[in-house]
Amino acid sequence: MLLPRTVKPSADLTAAEQLNFLLTNRIPRRLLTRFMGWYSQLRSRRLTRLSMWFWRQFADDLRMHESATQEFNSLHECFTRRLKPGARPVCTDTRTLISPCDAVVGEFGAINGFELIQAKGFPYTLSELLCDTNLADQYRNGLFVTLRLKSSMYHHFHAPADGWIEQLSYISGDTWNVNPIALKKVEKLFCRNERAVIPFQTTINDETLVMVPVAAVLVASMRFHGIQTALNLQYRGPNVVQVQQPYKKGDPIGYFEHGSTIVLLLPPSWRFSEHIVTGQIIRMGQPLLYRQQPPASSNV
């Protein structure tokens, strides 16, 4: 089996980033991920409070004031917490795609033929990400954006527009961390990790976008509403899973059981909202892209 190629640490990587990479990527990732999956399900309010206190020492603000509940019986309940009604207003402009999740905006822009950028100097291809050359052909020279859900963030992801999902494809893989330091050090990381490929048919000019939720270390597990089985390291079902589900913009699709990443792929007819910049935090429901209007016909 080929091992991921890594690069030597660069001067712009802090000591904290180096330590984070060593702790989460130079360990038996699958074993630790399975252990964390078991640990997070232990039902004890006292243990959960202690775990959350420890978690807060390393994570950003958990924004617990937005949570629909403040008491959790397990760490898993905290990871997958729901928000209070109205905590995420959804942009109603019918030409606009919203962010499907809370996230830090990563790399985004035009797809150069079939090539996308993971981080500076680390390209990967549509075929490597999707494992489907026919689907990859549809997004040649299109657009992409990487949305990273930090462990402290709201873990659910939602419909970016009105539309429907007929099926999704599950791709088993590794559980590398997907934080910025790992993206700078591990080649083609998104193409190595466990992930799902979800074509989403929108009602906007009947165009289809693709959502690729990428799982990561610690709790590599994805849940989809309407599918009883979690897609994780223990999954042994079919790779193609039927969904047949309509959605309104902002409807929940599923959730990660820990922080991770969603890569969005779109046709070139879309444009990014002017406020989108790398490194910014975007919330579910906020405008992400808009449909470029065709030029008005002229009567000459």
Protein backbone atom coordinates (compact mmCIF):
# COMPACT_ATOMS: atom_id res chain seq x y z
CA MET A 1 0.00 0.00 0.00
CA LEU A 2 1.34 3.42 -0.93
CA LEU A 3 1.87 5.77 1.98
CA PRO A 4 0.91 9.47 1.79
CA ARG A 5 3.81 11.64 0.73
CA THR A 6 4.65 14.32 3.28
CA VAL A 7 6.84 17.37 3.00
CA LYS A 8 9.37 18.82 5.38
CA PRO A 9 8.01 21.37 7.88
CA SER A 10 8.19 24.94 6.61
CA ALA A 11 9.10 28.00 8.61
CA ASP A 12 5.54 29.37 8.53
CA LEU A 13 4.19 26.44 10.58
CA THR A 14 4.04 27.22 14.29
CA ALA A 15 5.17 24.89 17.06
CA ALA A 16 1.52 24.44 18.08
CA GLU A 17 0.58 23.38 14.56
CA GLN A 18 3.46 20.91 14.47
CA LEU A 19 2.39 19.42 17.81
CA ASN A 20 -1.22 19.17 16.62
CA PHE A 21 -0.10 17.31 13.51
CA LEU A 22 2.08 14.91 15.49
CA LEU A 23 -0.66 14.15 18.03
CA THR A 24 -3.40 13.49 15.48
CA ASN A 25 -1.53 12.04 12.50
CA ARG A 26 1.46 10.12 13.90
CA ILE A 27 -0.74 7.75 15.89
CA PRO A 28 -2.78 4.64 15.08
CA ARG A 29 -5.56 6.75 13.56
CA ARG A 30 -8.11 4.00 12.96
CA LEU A 31 -7.64 2.53 16.42
CA LEU A 32 -7.96 5.92 18.12
CA THR A 33 -10.96 6.78 15.96
CA ARG A 34 -12.77 3.58 16.98
CA PHE A 35 -11.90 4.20 20.63
CA MET A 36 -13.21 7.76 20.43
CA GLY A 37 -16.40 6.53 18.79
CA TRP A 38 -16.92 4.15 21.73
CA TYR A 39 -15.95 6.74 24.35
CA SER A 40 -18.23 9.44 22.95
CA GLN A 41 -21.25 7.14 23.36
CA LEU A 42 -20.70 6.54 27.11
CA ARG A 43 -23.75 7.87 28.93
CA SER A 44 -22.75 9.83 32.01
CA ARG A 45 -23.49 13.51 32.60
CA ARG A 46 -20.58 13.83 35.00
CA LEU A 47 -18.13 12.25 32.54
CA THR A 48 -19.58 14.38 29.73
CA ARG A 49 -19.09 17.60 31.70
CA LEU A 50 -15.50 16.60 32.45
CA SER A 51 -14.88 15.71 28.79
CA MET A 52 -16.35 19.01 27.62
CA TRP A 53 -14.16 20.93 30.07
CA PHE A 54 -11.09 19.14 28.71
CA TRP A 55 -12.26 19.71 25.12
CA ARG A 56 -12.63 23.44 25.75
CA GLN A 57 -8.94 23.68 26.70
CA PHE A 58 -8.00 22.87 23.09
CA ALA A 59 -11.03 23.95 21.05
CA ASP A 60 -12.38 27.35 20.08
CA ASP A 61 -15.60 28.72 21.53
CA LEU A 62 -18.26 25.99 21.46
CA ARG A 63 -21.01 28.66 21.25
CA MET A 64 -23.14 26.69 23.67
CA HIS A 65 -25.53 29.64 23.99
CA GLU A 66 -26.85 28.62 20.54
CA SER A 67 -27.54 25.02 21.56
CA ALA A 68 -31.13 23.86 21.99
CA THR A 69 -30.04 22.16 25.24
CA GLN A 70 -27.26 22.77 27.74
CA GLU A 71 -27.20 19.29 29.31
CA PHE A 72 -25.84 16.23 27.52
CA ASN A 73 -25.81 12.58 28.54
CA SER A 74 -22.80 11.78 26.35
CA LEU A 75 -20.07 13.53 24.41
CA HIS A 76 -21.74 12.27 21.23
CA GLU A 77 -24.87 14.29 22.13
CA CYS A 78 -22.71 17.39 22.45
CA PHE A 79 -20.89 16.73 19.15
CA THR A 80 -24.22 16.36 17.30
CA ARG A 81 -26.18 19.02 19.20
CA ARG A 82 -29.02 20.87 17.51
CA LEU A 83 -29.40 24.62 17.60
CA LYS A 84 -32.18 26.80 18.92
CA PRO A 85 -34.87 27.68 16.35
CA GLY A 86 -33.81 30.75 14.37
CA ALA A 87 -30.13 30.44 15.26
CA ARG A 88 -29.25 30.08 11.56
CA PRO A 89 -31.38 32.34 9.31
CA VAL A 90 -31.46 31.03 5.74
CA CYS A 91 -30.99 33.42 2.80
CA THR A 92 -34.19 33.21 0.74
CA ASP A 93 -32.84 34.62 -2.54
CA THR A 94 -33.80 31.94 -5.08
CA ARG A 95 -30.65 32.57 -7.16
CA THR A 96 -28.33 32.02 -4.19
CA LEU A 97 -26.71 28.89 -2.83
CA ILE A 98 -26.22 29.01 0.91
CA SER A 99 -23.38 27.51 2.88
CA PRO A 100 -24.56 24.00 3.84
CA CYS A 101 -22.72 24.16 7.17
CA ASP A 102 -20.83 26.25 9.68
CA ALA A 103 -17.26 26.27 8.46
CA VAL A 104 -13.96 27.97 7.86
CA VAL A 105 -13.64 28.77 4.16
CA GLY A 106 -10.60 26.99 2.75
CA GLU A 107 -9.34 26.91 -0.82
CA PHE A 108 -11.86 27.94 -3.47
CA GLY A 109 -12.01 29.08 -7.07
CA ALA A 110 -11.92 27.65 -10.57
CA ILE A 111 -11.14 24.02 -11.31
CA ASN A 112 -8.20 23.99 -13.74
CA GLY A 113 -9.38 21.30 -16.12
CA PHE A 114 -9.70 18.43 -13.65
CA GLU A 115 -7.30 19.85 -11.05
CA LEU A 116 -8.26 21.35 -7.68
CA ILE A 117 -6.06 22.81 -4.94
CA GLN A 118 -5.89 21.26 -1.47
CA ALA A 119 -3.24 23.72 -0.26
CA LYS A 120 -0.41 25.60 -1.93
CA GLY A 121 1.62 23.09 -3.91
CA PHE A 122 -0.81 20.23 -3.29
CA PRO A 123 -3.16 19.65 -6.23
CA TYR A 124 -5.56 16.72 -6.62
CA THR A 125 -7.95 15.73 -9.38
CA LEU A 126 -11.71 15.33 -9.66
CA SER A 127 -11.35 11.65 -10.56
CA GLU A 128 -9.22 10.99 -7.48
CA LEU A 129 -11.76 12.71 -5.24
CA LEU A 130 -14.94 11.29 -6.78
CA CYS A 131 -13.69 7.86 -7.96
CA ASP A 132 -16.05 8.34 -10.92
CA THR A 133 -14.64 9.56 -14.24
CA ASN A 134 -18.08 10.23 -15.75
CA LEU A 135 -19.07 12.46 -12.85
CA ALA A 136 -15.66 14.13 -12.91
CA ASP A 137 -16.17 15.05 -16.59
CA GLN A 138 -19.26 17.07 -15.65
CA TYR A 139 -17.24 19.45 -13.44
CA ARG A 140 -14.23 19.97 -15.64
CA ASN A 141 -13.34 23.70 -15.53
CA GLY A 142 -16.09 24.27 -12.97
CA LEU A 143 -15.81 25.73 -9.47
CA PHE A 144 -14.93 24.31 -6.07
CA VAL A 145 -14.88 25.41 -2.45
CA THR A 146 -13.58 23.65 0.66
CA LEU A 147 -15.54 24.16 3.90
CA ARG A 148 -13.83 22.96 7.09
CA LEU A 149 -16.01 22.19 10.11
CA LYS A 150 -13.86 22.59 13.21
CA SER A 151 -14.49 20.25 16.13
CA SER A 152 -16.08 23.06 18.12
CA MET A 153 -18.59 23.93 15.41
CA TYR A 154 -22.16 22.87 14.71
CA HIS A 155 -21.72 19.51 12.93
CA HIS A 156 -24.92 19.27 10.84
CA PHE A 157 -24.99 20.00 7.10
CA HIS A 158 -28.02 21.20 5.17
CA ALA A 159 -29.44 21.59 1.67
CA PRO A 160 -27.74 24.54 -0.10
CA ALA A 161 -30.84 25.09 -2.29
CA ASP A 162 -34.21 23.58 -3.09
CA GLY A 163 -33.63 20.24 -4.77
CA TRP A 164 -33.29 16.53 -4.20
CA ILE A 165 -30.82 13.68 -3.76
CA GLU A 166 -31.40 10.38 -5.56
CA GLN A 167 -28.37 8.50 -4.24
CA LEU A 168 -24.96 8.88 -2.69
CA SER A 169 -21.73 6.92 -2.98
CA TYR A 170 -19.70 5.90 0.05
CA ILE A 171 -15.91 5.63 -0.31
CA SER A 172 -14.04 3.99 2.55
CA GLY A 173 -10.62 5.34 3.42
CA ASP A 174 -8.19 6.64 6.01
CA THR A 175 -8.87 9.08 8.86
CA TRP A 176 -6.21 11.76 8.55
CA ASN A 177 -6.84 15.02 10.34
CA VAL A 178 -8.07 17.68 7.89
CA ASN A 179 -6.71 20.76 9.67
CA PRO A 180 -4.52 23.29 7.78
CA ILE A 181 -1.21 21.78 8.90
CA ALA A 182 -2.22 18.34 7.58
CA LEU A 183 -3.36 19.86 4.27
CA LYS A 184 0.13 21.38 3.90
CA LYS A 185 1.90 18.12 4.68
CA VAL A 186 -0.16 15.17 3.37
CA GLU A 187 -0.52 14.87 -0.38
CA LYS A 188 -4.06 14.36 -1.77
CA LEU A 189 -5.49 14.06 1.73
CA PHE A 190 -9.16 14.46 0.71
CA CYS A 191 -8.71 11.63 -1.78
CA ARG A 192 -7.37 9.31 0.94
CA ASN A 193 -9.93 9.85 3.68
CA GLU A 194 -13.31 8.23 4.14
CA ARG A 195 -15.94 10.27 2.29
CA ALA A 196 -19.31 10.35 0.56
CA VAL A 197 -20.12 11.70 -2.91
CA ILE A 198 -23.57 13.31 -3.09
CA PRO A 199 -24.93 14.71 -6.37
CA PHE A 200 -27.52 17.34 -5.41
CA GLN A 201 -30.01 18.27 -8.12
CA THR A 202 -31.13 21.87 -7.61
CA THR A 203 -34.26 23.54 -8.90
CA ILE A 204 -32.12 26.45 -10.11
CA ASN A 205 -31.99 25.87 -13.88
CA ASP A 206 -32.01 22.12 -13.05
CA GLU A 207 -28.27 22.31 -12.35
CA THR A 208 -26.55 19.70 -10.23
CA LEU A 209 -23.81 20.35 -7.70
CA VAL A 210 -21.82 17.75 -5.80
CA MET A 211 -21.27 17.69 -2.04
CA VAL A 212 -18.34 15.60 -0.78
CA PRO A 213 -18.38 15.26 3.03
CA VAL A 214 -14.90 14.08 4.07
CA ALA A 215 -14.57 12.35 7.45
CA ALA A 216 -11.53 12.75 9.69
CA VAL A 217 -9.66 11.44 12.72
CA LEU A 218 -11.31 10.71 16.11
CA VAL A 219 -14.96 10.21 15.09
CA ALA A 220 -14.92 9.33 11.40
CA SER A 221 -18.63 8.78 10.98
CA MET A 222 -21.32 10.39 8.86
CA ARG A 223 -25.06 10.15 9.42
CA PHE A 224 -27.68 10.91 6.76
CA HIS A 225 -31.35 11.45 7.47
CA GLY A 226 -33.38 8.67 5.88
CA ILE A 227 -30.46 6.20 6.04
CA GLN A 228 -30.53 4.11 9.20
CA THR A 229 -26.92 2.94 9.08
CA ALA A 230 -24.02 5.25 9.89
CA LEU A 231 -21.34 5.44 7.22
CA ASN A 232 -18.12 4.77 9.11
CA LEU A 233 -15.18 2.39 9.49
CA GLN A 234 -17.55 -0.45 10.47
CA TYR A 235 -19.87 0.02 7.47
CA ARG A 236 -20.11 -3.09 5.29
CA GLY A 237 -23.10 -2.20 3.10
CA PRO A 238 -23.29 -1.27 -0.60
CA ASN A 239 -21.12 1.58 -1.86
CA VAL A 240 -24.07 3.19 -3.64
CA VAL A 241 -26.90 4.06 -1.25
CA GLN A 242 -30.37 5.08 -2.48
CA VAL A 243 -31.80 8.21 -0.85
CA GLN A 244 -34.67 9.53 -3.06
CA GLN A 245 -35.26 12.56 -0.86
CA PRO A 246 -36.51 16.10 -1.73
CA TYR A 247 -35.22 19.11 0.22
CA LYS A 248 -36.06 22.73 0.76
CA LYS A 249 -33.16 25.16 1.13
CA GLY A 250 -31.80 24.78 4.66
CA ASP A 251 -33.36 21.37 5.34
CA PRO A 252 -31.01 19.04 7.26
CA ILE A 253 -29.26 16.37 5.17
CA GLY A 254 -27.02 14.77 7.78
CA TYR A 255 -24.19 15.37 10.21
CA PHE A 256 -20.64 14.47 11.12
CA GLU A 257 -20.03 12.91 14.50
CA HIS A 258 -16.97 15.17 14.78
CA GLY A 259 -15.52 18.09 12.85
CA SER A 260 -14.49 17.54 9.25
CA THR A 261 -14.74 19.00 5.73
CA ILE A 262 -17.19 19.40 2.86
CA VAL A 263 -15.93 19.98 -0.68
CA LEU A 264 -18.51 21.52 -3.04
CA LEU A 265 -18.23 21.17 -6.83
CA LEU A 266 -20.27 23.35 -9.18
CA PRO A 267 -20.70 24.20 -12.86
CA PRO A 268 -18.88 27.34 -14.09
CA SER A 269 -22.19 29.26 -14.32
CA TRP A 270 -21.97 30.10 -10.60
CA ARG A 271 -20.08 32.95 -8.96
CA PHE A 272 -18.83 33.31 -5.38
CA SER A 273 -20.42 35.92 -3.18
CA GLU A 274 -18.19 38.99 -2.86
CA HIS A 275 -17.65 38.54 0.89
CA ILE A 276 -16.13 35.04 0.55
CA VAL A 277 -12.42 34.97 1.46
CA THR A 278 -10.10 32.20 2.56
CA GLY A 279 -9.96 31.81 6.34
CA GLN A 280 -13.28 33.46 7.12
CA ILE A 281 -15.96 31.76 9.20
CA ILE A 282 -19.26 31.27 7.42
CA ARG A 283 -22.46 30.04 9.04
CA MET A 284 -25.03 27.67 7.62
CA GLY A 285 -27.67 29.65 5.74
CA GLN A 286 -25.41 32.54 4.69
CA PRO A 287 -24.93 33.24 0.95
CA LEU A 288 -22.05 31.33 -0.60
CA LEU A 289 -22.57 31.49 -4.37
CA TYR A 290 -25.07 32.99 -6.77
CA ARG A 291 -26.25 31.94 -10.21
CA GLN A 292 -24.75 34.13 -12.90
CA GLN A 293 -27.51 35.58 -15.04
CA PRO A 294 -27.16 35.05 -18.82
CA PRO A 295 -26.55 38.26 -20.77
CA ALA A 296 -29.72 40.01 -21.91
CA SER A 297 -30.49 39.52 -25.57
CA SER A 298 -30.20 42.62 -27.73
CA ASN A 299 -32.48 43.57 -30.59
CA VAL A 300 -30.15 44.94 -33.20
